Protein backbone atom coordinates (compact mmCIF):
# COMPACT_ATOMS: atom_id res chain seq x y z
CA MET A 1 49.52 129.26 171.12
CA THR A 2 48.36 126.13 172.91
CA PRO A 3 49.58 123.66 174.15
CA THR A 4 52.96 124.51 175.62
CA ARG A 5 55.84 123.36 173.38
CA TYR A 6 59.56 124.03 173.35
CA ALA A 7 62.09 123.52 170.58
CA PHE A 8 65.58 122.27 171.40
CA ILE A 9 68.32 122.56 168.79
CA LYS A 10 71.58 120.73 169.32
CA ALA A 11 74.71 120.79 167.21
CA ASN A 12 76.21 117.41 166.31
CA TRP A 13 79.84 118.46 166.78
CA HIS A 14 80.94 117.04 170.15
CA SER A 15 77.52 115.43 170.55
CA GLU A 16 78.72 113.29 173.47
CA ILE A 17 78.95 116.58 175.37
CA VAL A 18 76.27 118.76 173.77
CA ASP A 19 73.54 116.10 174.11
CA GLN A 20 73.84 116.47 177.88
CA ALA A 21 72.25 119.92 177.64
CA LEU A 22 69.07 118.20 176.47
CA VAL A 23 69.30 115.84 179.45
CA GLY A 24 69.39 118.83 181.80
CA PHE A 25 66.62 120.65 179.91
CA GLN A 26 64.40 117.56 180.20
CA GLN A 27 64.92 117.57 183.97
CA ILE A 28 62.99 120.86 184.02
CA ILE A 29 60.71 120.72 180.95
CA PRO A 30 58.68 117.54 180.41
CA PRO A 31 60.17 115.61 177.45
CA ASP A 32 56.75 115.30 175.78
CA GLN A 33 56.69 119.12 175.45
CA ILE A 34 60.05 119.27 173.62
CA ASP A 35 60.72 118.89 169.91
CA VAL A 36 64.41 118.11 169.29
CA PHE A 37 66.30 119.20 166.19
CA ASP A 38 69.81 117.94 165.37
CA ILE A 39 71.93 120.11 163.10
CA PRO A 40 75.49 119.75 161.78
CA GLY A 41 77.13 122.54 163.79
CA ALA A 42 76.68 125.75 165.73
CA PHE A 43 76.76 128.04 162.71
CA GLU A 44 73.46 126.61 161.47
CA MET A 45 71.59 127.30 164.72
CA PRO A 46 70.40 130.92 164.22
CA LEU A 47 68.52 130.26 160.97
CA LEU A 48 66.75 127.19 162.33
CA ALA A 49 66.03 128.97 165.63
CA ARG A 50 64.44 131.89 163.78
CA ARG A 51 62.29 129.61 161.63
CA LEU A 52 61.16 127.59 164.64
CA ALA A 53 60.41 130.74 166.63
CA ARG A 54 58.44 132.24 163.75
CA SER A 55 56.40 129.05 163.32
CA GLY A 56 54.18 130.02 166.26
CA ARG A 57 54.44 126.50 167.69
CA TYR A 58 56.91 127.22 170.49
CA HIS A 59 57.01 129.23 173.69
CA ALA A 60 60.82 129.21 173.58
CA VAL A 61 63.69 127.78 171.58
CA ALA A 62 66.89 126.50 173.20
CA ALA A 63 70.06 126.04 171.16
CA ALA A 64 73.10 124.07 172.37
CA ALA A 65 76.59 123.81 170.93
CA LEU A 66 80.22 123.48 171.96
CA VAL A 67 82.48 125.64 169.79
CA VAL A 68 86.15 124.78 170.26
CA ASP A 69 89.38 125.93 168.70
CA GLY A 70 89.92 123.48 165.86
CA GLY A 71 93.04 125.26 164.66
CA ILE A 72 91.48 126.10 161.29
CA TYR A 73 89.23 129.04 162.09
CA ARG A 74 88.78 131.55 164.86
CA HIS A 75 86.38 129.75 167.18
CA ASP A 76 85.69 132.94 169.09
CA PHE A 77 84.45 134.54 165.86
CA VAL A 78 82.14 131.61 165.18
CA ALA A 79 80.83 131.61 168.75
CA GLN A 80 80.18 135.36 168.71
CA SER A 81 78.41 135.10 165.35
CA VAL A 82 76.21 132.28 166.64
CA VAL A 83 75.24 134.08 169.84
CA ASN A 84 74.54 137.32 167.95
CA GLY A 85 72.49 135.38 165.39
CA LEU A 86 70.45 133.66 168.11
CA MET A 87 69.78 136.98 169.82
CA GLN A 88 68.69 138.59 166.56
CA ALA A 89 66.49 135.60 165.71
CA GLY A 90 64.70 135.93 169.04
CA LEU A 91 64.19 139.65 168.58
CA ASP A 92 62.93 139.16 165.01
CA ALA A 93 60.47 136.43 166.03
CA ASP A 94 59.51 137.90 169.43
CA ILE A 95 60.11 134.49 171.04
CA PRO A 96 62.79 133.75 173.65
CA ILE A 97 65.79 131.93 172.20
CA LEU A 98 68.04 130.54 174.89
CA SER A 99 71.69 129.94 174.13
CA ILE A 100 73.55 127.01 175.62
CA SER A 101 76.53 127.73 173.39
CA LEU A 102 79.84 127.44 175.16
CA THR A 103 83.32 128.33 173.91
CA PRO A 104 86.02 127.03 176.24
CA HIS A 105 89.48 128.51 175.81
CA ASN A 106 91.45 125.38 176.58
CA PHE A 107 89.30 122.40 175.64
CA GLN A 108 91.15 119.18 174.92
CA GLU A 109 89.45 115.93 174.04
CA THR A 110 90.73 114.14 177.11
CA GLU A 111 88.50 112.06 179.36
CA HIS A 112 88.92 114.67 182.09
CA HIS A 113 87.76 117.61 179.93
CA VAL A 114 84.96 115.65 178.30
CA ASN A 115 83.59 114.66 181.72
CA ILE A 116 83.82 118.24 183.03
CA TYR A 117 81.92 119.63 180.04
CA ARG A 118 79.34 116.83 180.02
CA GLU A 119 78.42 117.76 183.61
CA HIS A 120 78.53 121.47 182.79
CA PHE A 121 76.13 121.02 179.87
CA ILE A 122 73.64 119.20 182.11
CA LEU A 123 73.71 122.20 184.44
CA LYS A 124 73.37 124.67 181.56
CA GLY A 125 70.46 122.65 180.14
CA ARG A 126 68.66 122.84 183.49
CA GLU A 127 69.33 126.58 183.66
CA ALA A 128 67.89 127.02 180.16
CA GLY A 129 64.79 125.03 181.12
CA GLU A 130 64.29 127.19 184.20
CA ALA A 131 64.78 130.34 182.14
CA ALA A 132 62.26 129.11 179.55
CA LEU A 133 59.63 128.62 182.26
CA ARG A 134 60.32 132.00 183.89
CA VAL A 135 60.28 133.93 180.63
CA LYS A 136 57.06 132.18 179.53
CA ALA A 137 55.39 133.16 182.83
CA MET A 138 56.67 136.72 182.61
CA LEU A 139 55.47 137.15 179.01
CA GLU A 140 52.06 135.75 179.92
CA THR A 141 51.82 138.28 182.78
CA ILE A 142 52.67 141.14 180.43
CA ALA A 143 50.09 139.94 177.86
CA ALA A 144 47.31 139.67 180.47
């Protein structure tokens, strides 16, 4: 697996917030090493993450989404299913899959909340980028 590449999946729901995770990720990982994939929502992330991880093209896959209580379904159920699916996809493919999937309890689409979560997603994107680099280095040490 050469050269170093990373996949970044981002859900389109609340994209004004979720897209900030990519901004943070790109502060750590050079943008020319990242392939970005937009998907409709969080529930679609595990399948795409598994396929990308199994492709052999990526050292890690990051997946970002904001799952909020829309009043129609149990958002905590969706979030738990997504995180479990991402974990299983990483185990199945033997490639790190990093979750930047957040489920706030009291999110409201006010300017105040949107700004708080935009900043938080930048931070979480940076943390995922740092984790991707550390896990890559650790796995390379184990393989040597």
